[in-house]
Amino acid sequence: MRIKLDENLPATLAEALAATGHDVDTIPKEGLTGAPDATVWQASQQAKRFFITQDLDFSDLRQFRPGTHHGLLLLRLANPGRRHLIDRLRTLFATEEVESWRGCFVVATDLKVRVRHPA
C-alpha cells in the first residue's frame, strides 16, 4: 500500500510500516512540515497515497467522503504517545485488511476500527 504519514506521527512509524512491505512517505520528508492542511491533503492525493493522521481537521466525513480520495485513517487514541501510536498501527496493519481501506474513511481508536466504504 502507498502511504503518506502526517507530521504528527513518529518518524519511526515510517520505518516500521516499510518493513512490512508498504511504500511509505512522510510530510516532513517532502518538506511540508507546517504546511496548511489543504496543501498536505493535496500532496497526499496527487501522490495517490493513503493518508494517516491524528489531525482532527481531517475528521469531517462530509469533506472527506469515501470514494473521493485514496483513503484516510484518522487515529483517535486516548494516550497518543510515540510507543502507543506505533504499537496500535502495527497491530492494525497486522490484523486488519488494510488493503481494502483504499478510498475509505477510517477511524481507529484504542479498541475499535470504523471503516466507511465508498457508496
PDB file of N, CA and C in Angstrom:
ATOM      1  N   MET A   1       0.850  -1.178   0.000  1.00  0.00           N
ATOM      2  CA  MET A   1       0.000   0.000   0.000  1.00  0.00           C
ATOM      3  C   MET A   1       0.894   1.239   0.000  1.00  0.00           C
ATOM      4  N   ARG A   2       0.488   2.235  -0.751  1.00  0.00           N
ATOM      5  CA  ARG A   2       1.205   3.518  -0.778  1.00  0.00           C
ATOM      6  C   ARG A   2       0.621   4.404   0.320  1.00  0.00           C
ATOM      7  N   ILE A   3       1.469   4.806   1.259  1.00  0.00           N
ATOM      8  CA  ILE A   3       1.027   5.520   2.461  1.00  0.00           C
ATOM      9  C   ILE A   3       1.779   6.836   2.602  1.00  0.00           C
ATOM     10  N   LYS A   4       1.067   7.843   3.102  1.00  0.00           N
ATOM     11  CA  LYS A   4       1.709   9.097   3.495  1.00  0.00           C
ATOM     12  C   LYS A   4       1.347   9.345   4.953  1.00  0.00           C
ATOM     13  N   LEU A   5       2.377   9.560   5.781  1.00  0.00           N
ATOM     14  CA  LEU A   5       2.175   9.838   7.195  1.00  0.00           C
ATOM     15  C   LEU A   5       2.224  11.337   7.453  1.00  0.00           C
ATOM     16  N   ASP A   6       1.296  11.811   8.239  1.00  0.00           N
ATOM     17  CA  ASP A   6       1.267  13.221   8.610  1.00  0.00           C
ATOM     18  C   ASP A   6       2.431  13.519   9.553  1.00  0.00           C
ATOM     19  N   GLU A   7       2.721  14.782   9.720  1.00  0.00           N
ATOM     20  CA  GLU A   7       3.844  15.197  10.565  1.00  0.00           C
ATOM     21  C   GLU A   7       3.592  14.933  12.048  1.00  0.00           C
ATOM     22  N   ASN A   8       2.355  14.649  12.441  1.00  0.00           N
ATOM     23  CA  ASN A   8       2.050  14.405  13.851  1.00  0.00           C
ATOM     24  C   ASN A   8       2.226  12.940  14.252  1.00  0.00           C
ATOM     25  N   LEU A   9       2.883  12.169  13.404  1.00  0.00           N
ATOM     26  CA  LEU A   9       3.170  10.763  13.699  1.00  0.00           C
ATOM     27  C   LEU A   9       4.676  10.556  13.779  1.00  0.00           C
ATOM     28  N   PRO A  10       5.126   9.619  14.624  1.00  0.00           N
ATOM     29  CA  PRO A  10       6.560   9.399  14.790  1.00  0.00           C
ATOM     30  C   PRO A  10       7.239   8.951  13.490  1.00  0.00           C
ATOM     31  N   ALA A  11       8.424   9.477  13.239  1.00  0.00           N
ATOM     32  CA  ALA A  11       9.177   9.118  12.031  1.00  0.00           C
ATOM     33  C   ALA A  11       9.487   7.626  11.986  1.00  0.00           C
ATOM     34  N   THR A  12       9.674   7.013  13.143  1.00  0.00           N
ATOM     35  CA  THR A  12       9.990   5.582  13.178  1.00  0.00           C
ATOM     36  C   THR A  12       8.825   4.729  12.687  1.00  0.00           C
ATOM     37  N   LEU A  13       7.645   5.302  12.658  1.00  0.00           N
ATOM     38  CA  LEU A  13       6.487   4.583  12.142  1.00  0.00           C
ATOM     39  C   LEU A  13       6.656   4.304  10.650  1.00  0.00           C
ATOM     40  N   ALA A  14       7.255   5.225   9.937  1.00  0.00           N
ATOM     41  CA  ALA A  14       7.502   5.010   8.503  1.00  0.00           C
ATOM     42  C   ALA A  14       8.380   3.791   8.299  1.00  0.00           C
ATOM     43  N   GLU A  15       9.399   3.669   9.119  1.00  0.00           N
ATOM     44  CA  GLU A  15      10.304   2.513   9.022  1.00  0.00           C
ATOM     45  C   GLU A  15       9.568   1.219   9.347  1.00  0.00           C
ATOM     46  N   ALA A  16       8.737   1.249  10.382  1.00  0.00           N
ATOM     47  CA  ALA A  16       8.001   0.053  10.797  1.00  0.00           C
ATOM     48  C   ALA A  16       7.049  -0.415   9.705  1.00  0.00           C
ATOM     49  N   LEU A  17       6.332   0.513   9.070  1.00  0.00           N
ATOM     50  CA  LEU A  17       5.398   0.137   8.013  1.00  0.00           C
ATOM     51  C   LEU A  17       6.143  -0.286   6.743  1.00  0.00           C
ATOM     52  N   ALA A  18       7.238   0.371   6.451  1.00  0.00           N
ATOM     53  CA  ALA A  18       8.041  -0.011   5.283  1.00  0.00           C
ATOM     54  C   ALA A  18       8.601  -1.419   5.450  1.00  0.00           C
ATOM     55  N   ALA A  19       8.941  -1.783   6.675  1.00  0.00           N
ATOM     56  CA  ALA A  19       9.483  -3.113   6.947  1.00  0.00           C
ATOM     57  C   ALA A  19       8.447  -4.207   6.691  1.00  0.00           C
ATOM     58  N   THR A  20       7.168  -3.844   6.667  1.00  0.00           N
ATOM     59  CA  THR A  20       6.121  -4.824   6.381  1.00  0.00           C
ATOM     60  C   THR A  20       5.699  -4.789   4.916  1.00  0.00           C
ATOM     61  N   GLY A  21       6.471  -4.081   4.088  1.00  0.00           N
ATOM     62  CA  GLY A  21       6.236  -4.098   2.650  1.00  0.00           C
ATOM     63  C   GLY A  21       5.474  -2.926   2.073  1.00  0.00           C
ATOM     64  N   HIS A  22       5.185  -1.928   2.880  1.00  0.00           N
ATOM     65  CA  HIS A  22       4.441  -0.773   2.381  1.00  0.00           C
ATOM     66  C   HIS A  22       5.398   0.308   1.868  1.00  0.00           C
ATOM     67  N   ASP A  23       4.922   1.068   0.892  1.00  0.00           N
ATOM     68  CA  ASP A  23       5.670   2.193   0.338  1.00  0.00           C
ATOM     69  C   ASP A  23       5.245   3.425   1.140  1.00  0.00           C
ATOM     70  N   VAL A  24       6.115   3.894   2.030  1.00  0.00           N
ATOM     71  CA  VAL A  24       5.738   4.944   2.982  1.00  0.00           C
ATOM     72  C   VAL A  24       6.514   6.229   2.728  1.00  0.00           C
ATOM     73  N   ASP A  25       5.781   7.314   2.675  1.00  0.00           N
ATOM     74  CA  ASP A  25       6.337   8.650   2.546  1.00  0.00           C
ATOM     75  C   ASP A  25       5.815   9.465   3.729  1.00  0.00           C
ATOM     76  N   THR A  26       6.502  10.545   4.062  1.00  0.00           N
ATOM     77  CA  THR A  26       6.057  11.378   5.179  1.00  0.00           C
ATOM     78  C   THR A  26       6.005  12.845   4.765  1.00  0.00           C
ATOM     79  N   ILE A  27       5.184  13.580   5.464  1.00  0.00           N
ATOM     80  CA  ILE A  27       5.081  15.020   5.221  1.00  0.00           C
ATOM     81  C   ILE A  27       6.434  15.702   5.480  1.00  0.00           C
ATOM     82  N   PRO A  28       7.141  15.398   6.581  1.00  0.00           N
ATOM     83  CA  PRO A  28       8.446  16.037   6.789  1.00  0.00           C
ATOM     84  C   PRO A  28       9.460  15.739   5.677  1.00  0.00           C
ATOM     85  N   LYS A  29       9.480  14.507   5.170  1.00  0.00           N
ATOM     86  CA  LYS A  29      10.423  14.165   4.096  1.00  0.00           C
ATOM     87  C   LYS A  29      10.156  14.959   2.830  1.00  0.00           C
ATOM     88  N   GLU A  30       8.907  15.359   2.654  1.00  0.00           N
ATOM     89  CA  GLU A  30       8.540  16.151   1.483  1.00  0.00           C
ATOM     90  C   GLU A  30       8.790  17.636   1.691  1.00  0.00           C
ATOM     91  N   GLY A  31       9.214  18.007   2.902  1.00  0.00           N
ATOM     92  CA  GLY A  31       9.435  19.423   3.183  1.00  0.00           C
ATOM     93  C   GLY A  31       8.145  20.183   3.413  1.00  0.00           C
ATOM     94  N   LEU A  32       7.097  19.479   3.820  1.00  0.00           N
ATOM     95  CA  LEU A  32       5.799  20.125   4.024  1.00  0.00           C
ATOM     96  C   LEU A  32       5.444  20.320   5.491  1.00  0.00           C
ATOM     97  N   THR A  33       6.414  20.187   6.383  1.00  0.00           N
ATOM     98  CA  THR A  33       6.150  20.400   7.801  1.00  0.00           C
ATOM     99  C   THR A  33       5.615  21.815   8.002  1.00  0.00           C
ATOM    100  N   GLY A  34       4.495  21.920   8.695  1.00  0.00           N
ATOM    101  CA  GLY A  34       3.885  23.222   8.961  1.00  0.00           C
ATOM    102  C   GLY A  34       3.028  23.748   7.825  1.00  0.00           C
ATOM    103  N   ALA A  35       2.936  23.011   6.729  1.00  0.00           N
ATOM    104  CA  ALA A  35       2.113  23.453   5.596  1.00  0.00           C
ATOM    105  C   ALA A  35       0.636  23.388   5.964  1.00  0.00           C
ATOM    106  N   PRO A  36      -0.186  24.200   5.323  1.00  0.00           N
ATOM    107  CA  PRO A  36      -1.631  24.139   5.586  1.00  0.00           C
ATOM    108  C   PRO A  36      -2.185  22.748   5.277  1.00  0.00           C
ATOM    109  N   ASP A  37      -3.245  22.377   5.977  1.00  0.00           N
ATOM    110  CA  ASP A  37      -3.854  21.063   5.777  1.00  0.00           C
ATOM    111  C   ASP A  37      -4.232  20.828   4.313  1.00  0.00           C
ATOM    112  N   ALA A  38      -4.728  21.838   3.658  1.00  0.00           N
ATOM    113  CA  ALA A  38      -5.134  21.683   2.257  1.00  0.00           C
ATOM    114  C   ALA A  38      -3.935  21.301   1.381  1.00  0.00           C
ATOM    115  N   THR A  39      -2.785  21.864   1.668  1.00  0.00           N
ATOM    116  CA  THR A  39      -1.571  21.541   0.912  1.00  0.00           C
ATOM    117  C   THR A  39      -1.126  20.109   1.191  1.00  0.00           C
ATOM    118  N   VAL A  40      -1.184  19.721   2.451  1.00  0.00           N
ATOM    119  CA  VAL A  40      -0.812  18.361   2.851  1.00  0.00           C
ATOM    120  C   VAL A  40      -1.745  17.359   2.179  1.00  0.00           C
ATOM    121  N   TRP A  41      -3.035  17.621   2.220  1.00  0.00           N
ATOM    122  CA  TRP A  41      -4.016  16.729   1.616  1.00  0.00           C
ATOM    123  C   TRP A  41      -3.800  16.623   0.105  1.00  0.00           C
ATOM    124  N   GLN A  42      -3.589  17.766  -0.528  1.00  0.00           N
ATOM    125  CA  GLN A  42      -3.375  17.775  -1.979  1.00  0.00           C
ATOM    126  C   GLN A  42      -2.130  16.959  -2.348  1.00  0.00           C
ATOM    127  N   ALA A  43      -1.053  17.096  -1.580  1.00  0.00           N
ATOM    128  CA  ALA A  43       0.168  16.332  -1.847  1.00  0.00           C
ATOM    129  C   ALA A  43      -0.086  14.839  -1.710  1.00  0.00           C
ATOM    130  N   SER A  44      -0.852  14.466  -0.714  1.00  0.00           N
ATOM    131  CA  SER A  44      -1.180  13.061  -0.496  1.00  0.00           C
ATOM    132  C   SER A  44      -1.996  12.505  -1.654  1.00  0.00           C
ATOM    133  N   GLN A  45      -2.974  13.266  -2.087  1.00  0.00           N
ATOM    134  CA  GLN A  45      -3.846  12.797  -3.158  1.00  0.00           C
ATOM    135  C   GLN A  45      -3.134  12.783  -4.513  1.00  0.00           C
ATOM    136  N   GLN A  46      -2.299  13.768  -4.781  1.00  0.00           N
ATOM    137  CA  GLN A  46      -1.556  13.786  -6.042  1.00  0.00           C
ATOM    138  C   GLN A  46      -0.607  12.591  -6.137  1.00  0.00           C
ATOM    139  N   ALA A  47      -0.085  12.156  -4.985  1.00  0.00           N
ATOM    140  CA  ALA A  47       0.824  11.008  -4.953  1.00  0.00           C
ATOM    141  C   ALA A  47       0.056   9.685  -4.872  1.00  0.00           C
ATOM    142  N   LYS A  48      -1.282   9.767  -4.834  1.00  0.00           N
ATOM    143  CA  LYS A  48      -2.149   8.587  -4.756  1.00  0.00           C
ATOM    144  C   LYS A  48      -1.803   7.722  -3.545  1.00  0.00           C
ATOM    145  N   ARG A  49      -1.694   8.392  -2.394  1.00  0.00           N
ATOM    146  CA  ARG A  49      -1.323   7.709  -1.159  1.00  0.00           C
ATOM    147  C   ARG A  49      -2.453   7.721  -0.140  1.00  0.00           C
ATOM    148  N   PHE A  50      -2.515   6.663   0.637  1.00  0.00           N
ATOM    149  CA  PHE A  50      -3.422   6.531   1.768  1.00  0.00           C
ATOM    150  C   PHE A  50      -2.835   7.396   2.890  1.00  0.00           C
ATOM    151  N   PHE A  51      -3.608   8.322   3.406  1.00  0.00           N
ATOM    152  CA  PHE A  51      -3.118   9.314   4.360  1.00  0.00           C
ATOM    153  C   PHE A  51      -3.457   8.894   5.788  1.00  0.00           C
ATOM    154  N   ILE A  52      -2.462   8.932   6.678  1.00  0.00           N
ATOM    155  CA  ILE A  52      -2.659   8.592   8.089  1.00  0.00           C
ATOM    156  C   ILE A  52      -2.315   9.808   8.941  1.00  0.00           C
ATOM    157  N   THR A  53      -3.227  10.172   9.833  1.00  0.00           N
ATOM    158  CA  THR A  53      -3.049  11.373  10.651  1.00  0.00           C
ATOM    159  C   THR A  53      -3.764  11.240  11.990  1.00  0.00           C
ATOM    160  N   GLN A  54      -3.436  12.172  12.891  1.00  0.00           N
ATOM    161  CA  GLN A  54      -4.179  12.340  14.145  1.00  0.00           C
ATOM    162  C   GLN A  54      -4.925  13.671  14.137  1.00  0.00           C
ATOM    163  N   ASP A  55      -4.749  14.437  13.095  1.00  0.00           N
ATOM    164  CA  ASP A  55      -5.267  15.799  12.997  1.00  0.00           C
ATOM    165  C   ASP A  55      -6.788  15.798  12.820  1.00  0.00           C
ATOM    166  N   LEU A  56      -7.499  16.354  13.801  1.00  0.00           N
ATOM    167  CA  LEU A  56      -8.962  16.395  13.747  1.00  0.00           C
ATOM    168  C   LEU A  56      -9.504  17.253  12.615  1.00  0.00           C
ATOM    169  N   ASP A  57      -8.656  18.059  11.995  1.00  0.00           N
ATOM    170  CA  ASP A  57      -9.112  18.828  10.836  1.00  0.00           C
ATOM    171  C   ASP A  57      -9.492  17.898   9.681  1.00  0.00           C
ATOM    172  N   PHE A  58      -9.072  16.656   9.756  1.00  0.00           N
ATOM    173  CA  PHE A  58      -9.409  15.666   8.727  1.00  0.00           C
ATOM    174  C   PHE A  58     -10.554  14.754   9.166  1.00  0.00           C
ATOM    175  N   SER A  59     -11.322  15.160  10.164  1.00  0.00           N
ATOM    176  CA  SER A  59     -12.377  14.297  10.719  1.00  0.00           C
ATOM    177  C   SER A  59     -13.759  14.509  10.112  1.00  0.00           C
ATOM    178  N   ASP A  60     -13.914  15.477   9.246  1.00  0.00           N
ATOM    179  CA  ASP A  60     -15.224  15.776   8.675  1.00  0.00           C
ATOM    180  C   ASP A  60     -15.537  14.813   7.523  1.00  0.00           C
ATOM    181  N   LEU A  61     -16.399  13.869   7.806  1.00  0.00           N
ATOM    182  CA  LEU A  61     -16.764  12.857   6.823  1.00  0.00           C
ATOM    183  C   LEU A  61     -17.400  13.477   5.573  1.00  0.00           C
ATOM    184  N   ARG A  62     -18.065  14.603   5.727  1.00  0.00           N
ATOM    185  CA  ARG A  62     -18.678  15.269   4.565  1.00  0.00           C
ATOM    186  C   ARG A  62     -17.608  15.811   3.632  1.00  0.00           C
ATOM    187  N   GLN A  63     -16.531  16.315   4.191  1.00  0.00           N
ATOM    188  CA  GLN A  63     -15.445  16.869   3.378  1.00  0.00           C
ATOM    189  C   GLN A  63     -14.570  15.759   2.780  1.00  0.00           C
ATOM    190  N   PHE A  64     -14.431  14.661   3.497  1.00  0.00           N
ATOM    191  CA  PHE A  64     -13.556  13.566   3.065  1.00  0.00           C
ATOM    192  C   PHE A  64     -14.389  12.305   2.808  1.00  0.00           C
ATOM    193  N   ARG A  65     -15.428  12.481   1.989  1.00  0.00           N
ATOM    194  CA  ARG A  65     -16.342  11.377   1.672  1.00  0.00           C
ATOM    195  C   ARG A  65     -15.605  10.189   1.073  1.00  0.00           C
ATOM    196  N   PRO A  66     -15.916   8.995   1.539  1.00  0.00           N
ATOM    197  CA  PRO A  66     -15.305   7.802   0.959  1.00  0.00           C
ATOM    198  C   PRO A  66     -15.533   7.762  -0.553  1.00  0.00           C
ATOM    199  N   GLY A  67     -14.508   7.352  -1.259  1.00  0.00           N
ATOM    200  CA  GLY A  67     -14.591   7.259  -2.706  1.00  0.00           C
ATOM    201  C   GLY A  67     -14.130   8.509  -3.430  1.00  0.00           C
ATOM    202  N   THR A  68     -13.889   9.589  -2.685  1.00  0.00           N
ATOM    203  CA  THR A  68     -13.445  10.837  -3.317  1.00  0.00           C
ATOM    204  C   THR A  68     -11.945  11.061  -3.128  1.00  0.00           C
ATOM    205  N   HIS A  69     -11.274  10.070  -2.540  1.00  0.00           N
ATOM    206  CA  HIS A  69      -9.839  10.193  -2.250  1.00  0.00           C
ATOM    207  C   HIS A  69      -9.212   8.804  -2.207  1.00  0.00           C
ATOM    208  N   HIS A  70      -7.928   8.743  -1.938  1.00  0.00           N
ATOM    209  CA  HIS A  70      -7.188   7.475  -1.939  1.00  0.00           C
ATOM    210  C   HIS A  70      -7.190   6.775  -0.586  1.00  0.00           C
ATOM    211  N   GLY A  71      -7.893   7.330   0.383  1.00  0.00           N
ATOM    212  CA  GLY A  71      -8.021   6.711   1.697  1.00  0.00           C
ATOM    213  C   GLY A  71      -7.463   7.579   2.795  1.00  0.00           C
ATOM    214  N   LEU A  72      -8.118   7.513   3.947  1.00  0.00           N
ATOM    215  CA  LEU A  72      -7.759   8.336   5.095  1.00  0.00           C
ATOM    216  C   LEU A  72      -7.975   7.535   6.371  1.00  0.00           C
ATOM    217  N   LEU A  73      -6.933   7.477   7.191  1.00  0.00           N
ATOM    218  CA  LEU A  73      -7.024   6.850   8.511  1.00  0.00           C
ATOM    219  C   LEU A  73      -6.782   7.917   9.557  1.00  0.00           C
ATOM    220  N   LEU A  74      -7.792   8.154  10.388  1.00  0.00           N
ATOM    221  CA  LEU A  74      -7.705   9.108  11.482  1.00  0.00           C
ATOM    222  C   LEU A  74      -7.540   8.322  12.775  1.00  0.00           C
ATOM    223  N   LEU A  75      -6.422   8.541  13.458  1.00  0.00           N
ATOM    224  CA  LEU A  75      -6.141   7.859  14.719  1.00  0.00           C
ATOM    225  C   LEU A  75      -6.640   8.706  15.880  1.00  0.00           C
ATOM    226  N   ARG A  76      -7.452   8.086  16.746  1.00  0.00           N
ATOM    227  CA  ARG A  76      -8.014   8.775  17.906  1.00  0.00           C
ATOM    228  C   ARG A  76      -7.715   7.936  19.141  1.00  0.00           C
ATOM    229  N   LEU A  77      -6.492   8.043  19.646  1.00  0.00           N
ATOM    230  CA  LEU A  77      -6.073   7.245  20.792  1.00  0.00           C
ATOM    231  C   LEU A  77      -6.142   8.064  22.071  1.00  0.00           C
ATOM    232  N   ALA A  78      -6.506   7.418  23.178  1.00  0.00           N
ATOM    233  CA  ALA A  78      -6.592   8.095  24.468  1.00  0.00           C
ATOM    234  C   ALA A  78      -5.221   8.583  24.915  1.00  0.00           C
ATOM    235  N   ASN A  79      -4.196   7.778  24.662  1.00  0.00           N
ATOM    236  CA  ASN A  79      -2.819   8.135  25.012  1.00  0.00           C
ATOM    237  C   ASN A  79      -1.977   8.063  23.738  1.00  0.00           C
ATOM    238  N   PRO A  80      -1.903   9.179  23.001  1.00  0.00           N
ATOM    239  CA  PRO A  80      -1.217   9.128  21.709  1.00  0.00           C
ATOM    240  C   PRO A  80       0.301   9.304  21.792  1.00  0.00           C
ATOM    241  N   GLY A  81       0.909   8.691  22.786  1.00  0.00           N
ATOM    242  CA  GLY A  81       2.367   8.737  22.882  1.00  0.00           C
ATOM    243  C   GLY A  81       3.007   7.942  21.760  1.00  0.00           C
ATOM    244  N   ARG A  82       4.265   8.226  21.510  1.00  0.00           N
ATOM    245  CA  ARG A  82       5.009   7.612  20.408  1.00  0.00           C
ATOM    246  C   ARG A  82       4.888   6.083  20.404  1.00  0.00           C
ATOM    247  N   ARG A  83       5.204   5.461  21.529  1.00  0.00           N
ATOM    248  CA  ARG A  83       5.183   3.994  21.608  1.00  0.00           C
ATOM    249  C   ARG A  83       3.785   3.437  21.343  1.00  0.00           C
ATOM    250  N   HIS A  84       2.766   4.082  21.931  1.00  0.00           N
ATOM    251  CA  HIS A  84       1.388   3.610  21.759  1.00  0.00           C
ATOM    252  C   HIS A  84       0.934   3.753  20.307  1.00  0.00           C
ATOM    253  N   LEU A  85       1.277   4.863  19.671  1.00  0.00           N
ATOM    254  CA  LEU A  85       0.923   5.064  18.259  1.00  0.00           C
ATOM    255  C   LEU A  85       1.535   3.970  17.385  1.00  0.00           C
ATOM    256  N   ILE A  86       2.810   3.711  17.594  1.00  0.00           N
ATOM    257  CA  ILE A  86       3.499   2.699  16.797  1.00  0.00           C
ATOM    258  C   ILE A  86       2.884   1.326  17.039  1.00  0.00           C
ATOM    259  N   ASP A  87       2.648   0.989  18.298  1.00  0.00           N
ATOM    260  CA  ASP A  87       2.055  -0.310  18.616  1.00  0.00           C
ATOM    261  C   ASP A  87       0.663  -0.461  18.009  1.00  0.00           C
ATOM    262  N   ARG A  88      -0.152   0.585  18.109  1.00  0.00           N
ATOM    263  CA  ARG A  88      -1.521   0.498  17.574  1.00  0.00           C
ATOM    264  C   ARG A  88      -1.508   0.338  16.060  1.00  0.00           C
ATOM    265  N   LEU A  89      -0.668   1.093  15.380  1.00  0.00           N
ATOM    266  CA  LEU A  89      -0.625   0.969  13.923  1.00  0.00           C
ATOM    267  C   LEU A  89      -0.051  -0.370  13.481  1.00  0.00           C
ATOM    268  N   ARG A  90       0.946  -0.847  14.173  1.00  0.00           N
ATOM    269  CA  ARG A  90       1.477  -2.182  13.850  1.00  0.00           C
ATOM    270  C   ARG A  90       0.378  -3.235  14.006  1.00  0.00           C
ATOM    271  N   THR A  91      -0.387  -3.139  15.086  1.00  0.00           N
ATOM    272  CA  THR A  91      -1.477  -4.081  15.306  1.00  0.00           C
ATOM    273  C   THR A  91      -2.521  -3.978  14.203  1.00  0.00           C
ATOM    274  N   LEU A  92      -2.906  -2.759  13.856  1.00  0.00           N
ATOM    275  CA  LEU A  92      -3.891  -2.565  12.790  1.00  0.00           C
ATOM    276  C   LEU A  92      -3.414  -3.187  11.481  1.00  0.00           C
ATOM    277  N   PHE A  93      -2.170  -2.915  11.124  1.00  0.00           N
ATOM    278  CA  PHE A  93      -1.646  -3.400   9.850  1.00  0.00           C
ATOM    279  C   PHE A  93      -1.398  -4.905   9.866  1.00  0.00           C
ATOM    280  N   ALA A  94      -1.309  -5.497  11.045  1.00  0.00           N
ATOM    281  CA  ALA A  94      -1.121  -6.943  11.150  1.00  0.00           C
ATOM    282  C   ALA A  94      -2.441  -7.706  11.225  1.00  0.00           C
ATOM    283  N   THR A  95      -3.502  -7.051  11.708  1.00  0.00           N
ATOM    284  CA  THR A  95      -4.746  -7.776  11.957  1.00  0.00           C
ATOM    285  C   THR A  95      -5.909  -7.360  11.058  1.00  0.00           C
ATOM    286  N   GLU A  96      -5.827  -6.225  10.427  1.00  0.00           N
ATOM    287  CA  GLU A  96      -6.920  -5.732   9.586  1.00  0.00           C
ATOM    288  C   GLU A  96      -6.557  -5.880   8.107  1.00  0.00           C
ATOM    289  N   GLU A  97      -7.565  -5.921   7.272  1.00  0.00           N
ATOM    290  CA  GLU A  97      -7.351  -5.969   5.827  1.00  0.00           C
ATOM    291  C   GLU A  97      -7.191  -4.543   5.312  1.00  0.00           C
ATOM    292  N   VAL A  98      -6.048  -3.948   5.611  1.00  0.00           N
ATOM    293  CA  VAL A  98      -5.832  -2.540   5.292  1.00  0.00           C
ATOM    294  C   VAL A  98      -5.864  -2.264   3.792  1.00  0.00           C
ATOM    295  N   GLU A  99      -5.533  -3.245   2.987  1.00  0.00           N
ATOM    296  CA  GLU A  99      -5.592  -3.044   1.533  1.00  0.00           C
ATOM    297  C   GLU A  99      -7.018  -2.712   1.085  1.00  0.00           C
ATOM    298  N   SER A 100      -8.002  -3.178   1.829  1.00  0.00           N
ATOM    299  CA  SER A 100      -9.403  -2.909   1.486  1.00  0.00           C
ATOM    300  C   SER A 100      -9.824  -1.496   1.894  1.00  0.00           C
ATOM    301  N   TRP A 101      -8.944  -0.766   2.557  1.00  0.00           N
ATOM    302  CA  TRP A 101      -9.266   0.585   3.011  1.00  0.00           C
ATOM    303  C   TRP A 101      -9.019   1.644   1.941  1.00  0.00           C
ATOM    304  N   ARG A 102      -8.548   1.271   0.789  1.00  0.00           N
ATOM    305  CA  ARG A 102      -8.320   2.254  -0.282  1.00  0.00           C
ATOM    306  C   ARG A 102      -9.639   2.967  -0.576  1.00  0.00           C
ATOM    307  N   GLY A 103      -9.582   4.279  -0.587  1.00  0.00           N
ATOM    308  CA  GLY A 103     -10.771   5.073  -0.863  1.00  0.00           C
ATOM    309  C   GLY A 103     -11.727   5.202   0.308  1.00  0.00           C
ATOM    310  N   CYS A 104     -11.385   4.622   1.447  1.00  0.00           N
ATOM    311  CA  CYS A 104     -12.264   4.636   2.620  1.00  0.00           C
ATOM    312  C   CYS A 104     -11.870   5.726   3.617  1.00  0.00           C
ATOM    313  N   PHE A 105     -12.823   6.059   4.467  1.00  0.00           N
ATOM    314  CA  PHE A 105     -12.596   6.944   5.602  1.00  0.00           C
ATOM    315  C   PHE A 105     -12.590   6.044   6.829  1.00  0.00           C
ATOM    316  N   VAL A 106     -11.443   5.940   7.503  1.00  0.00           N
ATOM    317  CA  VAL A 106     -11.270   5.004   8.600  1.00  0.00           C
ATOM    318  C   VAL A 106     -10.918   5.772   9.881  1.00  0.00           C
ATOM    319  N   VAL A 107     -11.579   5.415  10.963  1.00  0.00           N
ATOM    320  CA  VAL A 107     -11.254   5.978  12.270  1.00  0.00           C
ATOM    321  C   VAL A 107     -10.870   4.818  13.178  1.00  0.00           C
ATOM    322  N   ALA A 108      -9.682   4.909  13.768  1.00  0.00           N
ATOM    323  CA  ALA A 108      -9.224   3.864  14.689  1.00  0.00           C
ATOM    324  C   ALA A 108      -9.027   4.464  16.069  1.00  0.00           C
ATOM    325  N   THR A 109      -9.637   3.813  17.051  1.00  0.00           N
ATOM    326  CA  THR A 109      -9.442   4.179  18.451  1.00  0.00           C
ATOM    327  C   THR A 109      -8.601   3.075  19.098  1.00  0.00           C
ATOM    328  N   ASP A 110      -8.474   3.140  20.405  1.00  0.00           N
ATOM    329  CA  ASP A 110      -7.734   2.101  21.118  1.00  0.00           C
ATOM    330  C   ASP A 110      -8.398   0.737  20.968  1.00  0.00           C
ATOM    331  N   LEU A 111      -9.723   0.734  20.855  1.00  0.00           N
ATOM    332  CA  LEU A 111     -10.460  -0.525  20.860  1.00  0.00           C
ATOM    333  C   LEU A 111     -11.199  -0.854  19.576  1.00  0.00           C
ATOM    334  N   LYS A 112     -11.482   0.135  18.760  1.00  0.00           N
ATOM    335  CA  LYS A 112     -12.329  -0.077  17.583  1.00  0.00           C
ATOM    336  C   LYS A 112     -11.687   0.445  16.307  1.00  0.00           C
ATOM    337  N   VAL A 113     -12.206  -0.074  15.213  1.00  0.00           N
ATOM    338  CA  VAL A 113     -11.887   0.444  13.885  1.00  0.00           C
ATOM    339  C   VAL A 113     -13.217   0.602  13.162  1.00  0.00           C
ATOM    340  N   ARG A 114     -13.500   1.810  12.708  1.00  0.00           N
ATOM    341  CA  ARG A 114     -14.706   2.064  11.932  1.00  0.00           C
ATOM    342  C   ARG A 114     -14.300   2.423  10.513  1.00  0.00           C
ATOM    343  N   VAL A 115     -14.807   1.683   9.557  1.00  0.00           N
ATOM    344  CA  VAL A 115     -14.457   1.891   8.155  1.00  0.00           C
ATOM    345  C   VAL A 115     -15.704   2.314   7.395  1.00  0.00           C
ATOM    346  N   ARG A 116     -15.601   3.469   6.759  1.00  0.00           N
ATOM    347  CA  ARG A 116     -16.681   3.936   5.878  1.00  0.00           C
ATOM    348  C   ARG A 116     -16.204   3.702   4.444  1.00  0.00           C
ATOM    349  N   HIS A 117     -16.922   2.818   3.754  1.00  0.00           N
ATOM    350  CA  HIS A 117     -16.574   2.472   2.376  1.00  0.00           C
ATOM    351  C   HIS A 117     -17.277   3.418   1.415  1.00  0.00           C
ATOM    352  N   PRO A 118     -16.754   3.529   0.191  1.00  0.00           N
ATOM    353  CA  PRO A 118     -17.464   4.335  -0.814  1.00  0.00           C
ATOM    354  C   PRO A 118     -18.878   3.782  -1.040  1.00  0.00           C
ATOM    355  N   ALA A 119     -19.785   4.667  -1.310  1.00  0.00           N
ATOM    356  CA  ALA A 119     -21.205   4.271  -1.513  1.00  0.00           C
ATOM    357  C   ALA A 119     -21.375   3.440  -2.754  1.00  0.00           C
TER     358      ALA A 119
END
